């Protein structure tokens, strides 16, 4: 269900390989930046931080510049050797955590996380837990794995995870059956939402009247409340990962395609307003302090509401597009 591919089987032609080097990281995350932030985390929109060959160097640099800075890494965890994970653990700043995406147990995890190995992830998680890293298990619940939540929660306790988080997928928009394709483009099975998923599916009436629905939305921007920024693999600065991902989302031929094209048009208008937001070409400070950045967001949350903002941070008495809240438990 991730936009890096089309229904699990076909590569998304809009996405090309990109990543940060240690020199990029030092150029963007300067000592001045570290002095003004509370924390930061590595979390790819379309990739996995552990596949970056300079990740350990980045952590070592952050530890040198700001040893007390909390840092978290979001990962599937199904790559690298045990020795690599132990090196990563030693390189991370003092306040740290690694979030492992584990959507089920050995027999169900790879139904959604295609091509990954449950046992490898558990091995790697144990390696960093042994080094004193706080580990979180995030479990996305579907119909095929919902019966394993309690067993997974107990396993997380037994292994030494500090937190266990359960969430429902928000990606069932049109239909409670999501087709999964193979490399030949053939449907091999369907994903289905969990039994208690409270998502409101988008029907034909909502699609036909989405502009009116947008007008009813009250946008409560999470990034604004939390004072967050997102910098993508191309070093572009955005308030959040949701806006950053727009140009790389494949548009399928379905009832939502007209809305998705409008989202892409909105993105083009936003970028025309903001100008160059690349954090290598311009410092984060210069981007944030620019007149367009300081003045455009109120408009996009009120009189010219962005569909993406409405879906992720908006609520209406007609329909809610907002993401379901996680159910987090310390263990």
Protein backbone atom coordinates (compact mmCIF):
# COMPACT_ATOMS: atom_id res chain seq x y z
CA UNK A 1 0.00 0.00 0.00
CA UNK A 2 3.06 2.26 -0.05
CA UNK A 3 3.52 4.57 -3.03
CA UNK A 4 7.00 3.18 -3.69
CA UNK A 5 5.18 0.53 -5.69
CA UNK A 6 1.79 -0.02 -7.31
CA UNK A 7 -0.19 -2.47 -5.19
CA UNK A 8 2.91 -4.34 -4.08
CA UNK A 9 3.90 -5.73 -7.47
CA UNK A 10 4.79 -3.00 -9.95
CA UNK A 11 7.48 -0.35 -9.51
CA UNK A 12 6.27 3.25 -9.29
CA UNK A 13 7.88 5.04 -12.29
CA UNK A 14 7.61 8.42 -10.52
CA UNK A 15 10.13 7.47 -7.84
CA UNK A 16 13.87 7.41 -8.47
CA UNK A 17 16.61 6.45 -6.03
CA UNK A 18 17.78 9.30 -3.82
CA UNK A 19 19.48 9.64 -0.47
CA UNK A 20 21.64 11.75 1.79
CA UNK A 21 25.39 11.53 2.21
CA UNK A 22 27.14 12.44 5.44
CA UNK A 23 28.26 15.69 3.75
CA UNK A 24 24.62 16.51 2.92
CA UNK A 25 23.64 15.84 6.51
CA UNK A 26 26.37 18.12 7.88
CA UNK A 27 25.45 20.87 5.41
CA UNK A 28 21.78 20.81 6.41
CA UNK A 29 21.95 19.81 10.08
CA UNK A 30 24.48 22.39 11.24
CA UNK A 31 25.38 23.14 14.84
CA UNK A 32 23.07 26.18 14.60
CA UNK A 33 20.17 23.91 13.62
CA UNK A 34 20.87 21.46 16.45
CA UNK A 35 20.79 24.35 18.94
CA UNK A 36 17.20 25.18 17.93
CA UNK A 37 15.48 21.80 17.80
CA UNK A 38 14.14 19.50 20.50
CA UNK A 39 14.68 16.23 18.64
CA UNK A 40 14.86 14.68 15.19
CA UNK A 41 14.17 11.36 13.55
CA UNK A 42 15.04 9.42 10.42
CA UNK A 43 11.91 8.20 8.63
CA UNK A 44 11.68 7.76 4.87
CA UNK A 45 8.53 8.53 2.89
CA UNK A 46 9.40 5.83 0.39
CA UNK A 47 12.59 4.25 1.69
CA UNK A 48 14.15 2.91 4.86
CA UNK A 49 16.87 4.80 6.78
CA UNK A 50 18.88 1.65 7.44
CA UNK A 51 19.57 1.31 3.70
CA UNK A 52 21.50 4.59 3.76
CA UNK A 53 25.20 3.72 3.87
CA UNK A 54 26.04 6.86 5.89
CA UNK A 55 23.40 6.46 8.60
CA UNK A 56 25.92 5.42 11.26
CA UNK A 57 28.16 8.38 10.37
CA UNK A 58 25.16 10.72 10.65
CA UNK A 59 24.37 9.40 14.11
CA UNK A 60 28.00 9.75 15.17
CA UNK A 61 28.02 13.36 13.96
CA UNK A 62 24.77 14.13 15.79
CA UNK A 63 26.15 12.54 18.97
CA UNK A 64 29.26 14.71 18.71
CA UNK A 65 27.34 17.96 18.09
CA UNK A 66 24.39 17.34 20.43
CA UNK A 67 24.89 14.25 22.62
CA UNK A 68 21.72 14.90 24.61
CA UNK A 69 19.52 15.35 21.52
CA UNK A 70 16.76 12.71 21.30
CA UNK A 71 16.89 10.82 18.00
CA UNK A 72 14.64 8.09 16.67
CA UNK A 73 14.88 5.84 13.64
CA UNK A 74 11.78 4.39 11.96
CA UNK A 75 12.56 1.18 10.09
CA UNK A 76 11.24 -2.17 8.97
CA UNK A 77 14.50 -3.59 10.26
CA UNK A 78 14.78 -6.43 7.75
CA UNK A 79 18.28 -5.65 6.47
CA UNK A 80 21.92 -5.47 7.65
CA UNK A 81 23.95 -7.76 9.89
CA UNK A 82 23.88 -8.00 13.67
CA UNK A 83 27.30 -6.34 13.84
CA UNK A 84 26.00 -3.39 11.80
CA UNK A 85 23.07 -2.95 14.18
CA UNK A 86 25.37 -3.01 17.18
CA UNK A 87 27.56 -0.34 15.54
CA UNK A 88 24.44 1.76 14.94
CA UNK A 89 23.41 1.39 18.58
CA UNK A 90 26.81 2.61 19.79
CA UNK A 91 26.72 5.56 17.36
CA UNK A 92 23.32 6.86 18.42
CA UNK A 93 23.04 9.86 20.78
CA UNK A 94 22.27 9.19 24.43
CA UNK A 95 18.51 9.73 24.16
CA UNK A 96 17.40 7.41 21.43
CA UNK A 97 14.92 4.93 20.11
CA UNK A 98 14.29 2.69 17.14
CA UNK A 99 10.79 2.01 15.86
CA UNK A 100 10.38 -1.38 14.21
CA UNK A 101 7.46 -1.97 11.82
CA UNK A 102 6.28 -5.48 12.64
CA UNK A 103 2.82 -6.13 11.24
CA UNK A 104 2.04 -9.53 12.63
CA UNK A 105 4.09 -12.60 13.56
CA UNK A 106 6.25 -14.97 11.51
CA UNK A 107 3.35 -16.34 9.47
CA UNK A 108 1.59 -13.03 8.72
CA UNK A 109 4.13 -10.18 8.80
CA UNK A 110 5.25 -10.40 5.17
CA UNK A 111 1.69 -10.51 3.81
CA UNK A 112 1.78 -6.72 4.02
CA UNK A 113 5.57 -6.12 4.28
CA UNK A 114 6.31 -8.06 1.10
CA UNK A 115 9.82 -9.44 0.84
CA UNK A 116 10.80 -8.85 4.47
CA UNK A 117 11.62 -11.49 7.05
CA UNK A 118 10.10 -11.50 10.55
CA UNK A 119 12.89 -13.55 12.14
CA UNK A 120 15.57 -11.21 10.75
CA UNK A 121 13.79 -8.18 12.19
CA UNK A 122 13.47 -9.81 15.61
CA UNK A 123 17.18 -10.73 15.50
CA UNK A 124 18.13 -7.14 14.68
CA UNK A 125 15.80 -5.69 17.31
CA UNK A 126 17.33 -7.96 19.97
CA UNK A 127 20.80 -6.76 18.94
CA UNK A 128 20.03 -3.09 19.65
CA UNK A 129 17.97 -3.81 22.77
CA UNK A 130 21.00 -5.62 24.18
CA UNK A 131 22.99 -2.41 23.57
CA UNK A 132 20.55 -0.33 25.62
CA UNK A 133 18.51 1.16 22.78
CA UNK A 134 14.81 1.75 23.46
CA UNK A 135 12.84 -0.20 20.87
CA UNK A 136 9.20 0.27 19.87
CA UNK A 137 7.11 -2.36 18.10
CA UNK A 138 4.53 -0.79 15.76
CA UNK A 139 1.84 -3.21 14.65
CA UNK A 140 -0.49 -2.23 11.76
CA UNK A 141 -3.62 -4.25 12.23
CA UNK A 142 -5.41 -5.92 9.32
CA UNK A 143 -8.00 -8.66 9.16
CA UNK A 144 -5.26 -11.25 8.53
CA UNK A 145 -3.25 -10.42 11.67
CA UNK A 146 -5.68 -8.89 14.17
CA UNK A 147 -5.93 -12.18 16.05
CA UNK A 148 -2.20 -11.94 16.88
CA UNK A 149 -2.14 -8.56 18.62
CA UNK A 150 -2.06 -9.92 22.16
CA UNK A 151 0.52 -12.59 21.33
CA UNK A 152 2.70 -9.91 19.68
CA UNK A 153 2.28 -7.62 22.68
CA UNK A 154 3.46 -10.37 25.01
CA UNK A 155 6.40 -11.16 22.72
CA UNK A 156 7.39 -7.49 22.76
CA UNK A 157 7.50 -7.60 26.56
CA UNK A 158 9.51 -10.81 26.58
CA UNK A 159 12.07 -9.38 24.14
CA UNK A 160 12.53 -6.10 26.01
CA UNK A 161 10.71 -3.64 23.75
CA UNK A 162 9.77 -0.55 25.75
CA UNK A 163 6.63 0.31 23.77
CA UNK A 164 4.02 -1.57 21.76
CA UNK A 165 1.84 0.47 19.39
CA UNK A 166 -1.21 -0.74 17.48
CA UNK A 167 -2.70 1.18 14.58
CA UNK A 168 -5.21 0.55 11.82
CA UNK A 169 -4.34 1.25 8.21
CA UNK A 170 -5.77 4.49 6.82
CA UNK A 171 -5.19 3.47 3.20
CA UNK A 172 -8.51 1.73 2.54
CA UNK A 173 -10.21 4.68 0.86
CA UNK A 174 -12.67 3.33 -1.68
CA UNK A 175 -13.15 -0.31 -0.84
CA UNK A 176 -12.48 -2.62 2.13
CA UNK A 177 -10.70 -5.01 -0.22
CA UNK A 178 -7.30 -3.78 -1.46
CA UNK A 179 -5.85 -5.87 -4.33
CA UNK A 180 -2.20 -6.96 -4.07
CA UNK A 181 -0.43 -7.55 -7.39
CA UNK A 182 2.50 -9.70 -8.47
CA UNK A 183 5.24 -8.57 -10.86
CA UNK A 184 3.04 -9.48 -13.81
CA UNK A 185 0.30 -7.15 -12.61
CA UNK A 186 -2.03 -9.97 -11.61
CA UNK A 187 -4.05 -9.85 -8.40
CA UNK A 188 -2.80 -12.55 -6.04
CA UNK A 189 -4.77 -11.71 -2.91
CA UNK A 190 -6.57 -8.88 -1.12
CA UNK A 191 -5.78 -6.98 2.05
CA UNK A 192 -8.75 -6.22 4.28
CA UNK A 193 -9.09 -3.78 7.20
CA UNK A 194 -9.33 -4.97 10.77
CA UNK A 195 -12.76 -5.68 12.21
CA UNK A 196 -12.83 -2.53 14.36
CA UNK A 197 -11.37 -0.14 11.77
CA UNK A 198 -13.42 3.06 12.15
CA UNK A 199 -12.40 4.50 8.77
CA UNK A 200 -15.12 6.20 6.78
CA UNK A 201 -14.81 4.98 3.22
CA UNK A 202 -15.07 7.64 0.53
CA UNK A 203 -18.18 7.08 -1.56
CA UNK A 204 -19.20 8.46 -4.95
CA UNK A 205 -21.19 11.30 -3.40
CA UNK A 206 -18.18 12.54 -1.41
CA UNK A 207 -15.96 12.37 -4.50
CA UNK A 208 -18.43 14.31 -6.64
CA UNK A 209 -18.79 16.97 -3.96
CA UNK A 210 -15.27 16.98 -2.52
CA UNK A 211 -14.80 20.74 -3.02
CA UNK A 212 -17.85 21.42 -0.90
CA UNK A 213 -16.62 18.90 1.64
CA UNK A 214 -13.28 20.73 1.79
CA UNK A 215 -15.10 23.94 2.61
CA UNK A 216 -16.56 22.32 5.73
CA UNK A 217 -13.17 21.15 6.98
CA UNK A 218 -11.48 22.59 10.03
CA UNK A 219 -7.74 22.06 9.61
CA UNK A 220 -5.76 21.63 12.79
CA UNK A 221 -2.21 21.30 11.46
CA UNK A 222 -0.20 18.73 13.42
CA UNK A 223 3.11 20.10 12.11
CA UNK A 224 2.21 23.59 13.32
CA UNK A 225 1.18 22.36 16.76
CA UNK A 226 4.30 20.25 17.18
CA UNK A 227 6.57 22.79 15.44
CA UNK A 228 7.84 20.10 13.10
CA UNK A 229 9.60 20.11 9.74
CA UNK A 230 10.11 17.34 7.24
CA UNK A 231 13.10 17.26 4.87
CA UNK A 232 12.81 14.69 2.11
CA UNK A 233 15.38 12.56 0.31
CA UNK A 234 15.93 15.38 -2.19
CA UNK A 235 16.66 17.82 0.70
CA UNK A 236 13.46 19.80 0.17
CA UNK A 237 11.83 21.34 3.26
CA UNK A 238 8.13 20.86 3.98
CA UNK A 239 5.96 21.09 7.09
CA UNK A 240 5.19 17.38 6.84
CA UNK A 241 5.79 14.18 4.90
CA UNK A 242 2.26 14.24 3.48
CA UNK A 243 2.89 17.34 1.36
CA UNK A 244 6.34 16.10 0.36
CA UNK A 245 4.99 12.86 -1.08
CA UNK A 246 2.44 14.36 -3.50
CA UNK A 247 4.46 14.44 -6.76
CA UNK A 248 5.49 10.80 -6.33
CA UNK A 249 2.04 9.32 -5.74
CA UNK A 250 0.93 7.17 -8.66
CA UNK A 251 -2.54 8.12 -9.93
CA UNK A 252 -4.66 5.09 -10.70
CA UNK A 253 -7.62 4.98 -13.03
CA UNK A 254 -10.38 4.89 -10.44
CA UNK A 255 -13.08 7.22 -9.09
CA UNK A 256 -10.49 9.13 -7.02
CA UNK A 257 -8.25 10.00 -9.99
CA UNK A 258 -9.84 13.44 -10.57
CA UNK A 259 -9.24 14.35 -6.92
CA UNK A 260 -5.64 13.14 -7.07
CA UNK A 261 -4.99 15.27 -10.16
CA UNK A 262 -6.38 18.25 -8.29
CA UNK A 263 -4.04 17.45 -5.37
CA UNK A 264 -1.12 17.49 -7.80
CA UNK A 265 -2.29 20.85 -9.20
CA UNK A 266 -2.49 22.23 -5.68
CA UNK A 267 1.06 21.05 -5.05
CA UNK A 268 2.29 22.86 -8.17
CA UNK A 269 0.65 26.06 -6.95
CA UNK A 270 2.15 25.62 -3.48
CA UNK A 271 5.67 25.15 -4.85
CA UNK A 272 5.25 28.14 -7.15
CA UNK A 273 4.40 30.18 -4.06
CA UNK A 274 7.24 28.86 -1.89
CA UNK A 275 10.00 28.91 -4.51
CA UNK A 276 13.24 27.02 -3.85
CA UNK A 277 12.92 25.07 -0.59
CA UNK A 278 16.05 22.96 -1.02
CA UNK A 279 18.01 22.88 2.24
CA UNK A 280 21.36 22.60 0.46
CA UNK A 281 20.73 25.62 -1.77
CA UNK A 282 19.23 27.62 1.11
CA UNK A 283 19.56 27.22 4.85
CA UNK A 284 16.56 25.98 6.81
CA UNK A 285 16.52 29.38 8.54
CA UNK A 286 16.31 31.28 5.25
CA UNK A 287 13.53 29.03 3.97
CA UNK A 288 11.44 29.34 7.14
CA UNK A 289 12.03 33.07 7.50
CA UNK A 290 11.07 33.80 3.89
CA UNK A 291 7.96 35.90 3.30
CA UNK A 292 6.16 33.17 1.28
CA UNK A 293 6.67 30.52 4.00
CA UNK A 294 5.57 32.89 6.77
CA UNK A 295 2.38 33.98 5.00
CA UNK A 296 1.06 31.16 2.81
CA UNK A 297 0.00 28.52 5.32
CA UNK A 298 -2.89 30.42 6.91
CA UNK A 299 -4.41 30.78 3.45
CA UNK A 300 -3.98 27.09 2.70
CA UNK A 301 -5.66 26.15 5.96
CA UNK A 302 -8.61 28.55 5.69
CA UNK A 303 -9.71 30.18 2.42
CA UNK A 304 -7.80 27.91 0.02
CA UNK A 305 -7.72 24.63 1.88
CA UNK A 306 -5.37 22.02 0.52
CA UNK A 307 -6.98 18.62 0.03
CA UNK A 308 -3.92 16.93 1.54
CA UNK A 309 -4.14 19.06 4.68
CA UNK A 310 -7.87 18.39 4.92
CA UNK A 311 -7.37 14.64 4.62
CA UNK A 312 -4.56 14.35 7.16
CA UNK A 313 -5.41 17.08 9.70
CA UNK A 314 -8.99 18.02 8.91
CA UNK A 315 -12.33 17.24 10.47
CA UNK A 316 -15.83 17.91 9.28
CA UNK A 317 -19.36 17.12 10.37
CA UNK A 318 -19.74 15.40 6.98
CA UNK A 319 -16.72 13.11 6.80
CA UNK A 320 -13.39 12.69 8.54
CA UNK A 321 -10.25 12.10 6.52
CA UNK A 322 -7.94 12.39 9.53
CA UNK A 323 -5.65 9.50 10.36
CA UNK A 324 -6.78 7.14 13.15
CA UNK A 325 -4.97 7.57 16.45
CA UNK A 326 -2.41 5.00 17.49
CA UNK A 327 -3.05 2.84 20.53
CA UNK A 328 0.28 2.97 22.33
CA UNK A 329 1.21 0.96 25.36
CA UNK A 330 4.42 1.03 27.38
CA UNK A 331 5.59 -2.50 28.09
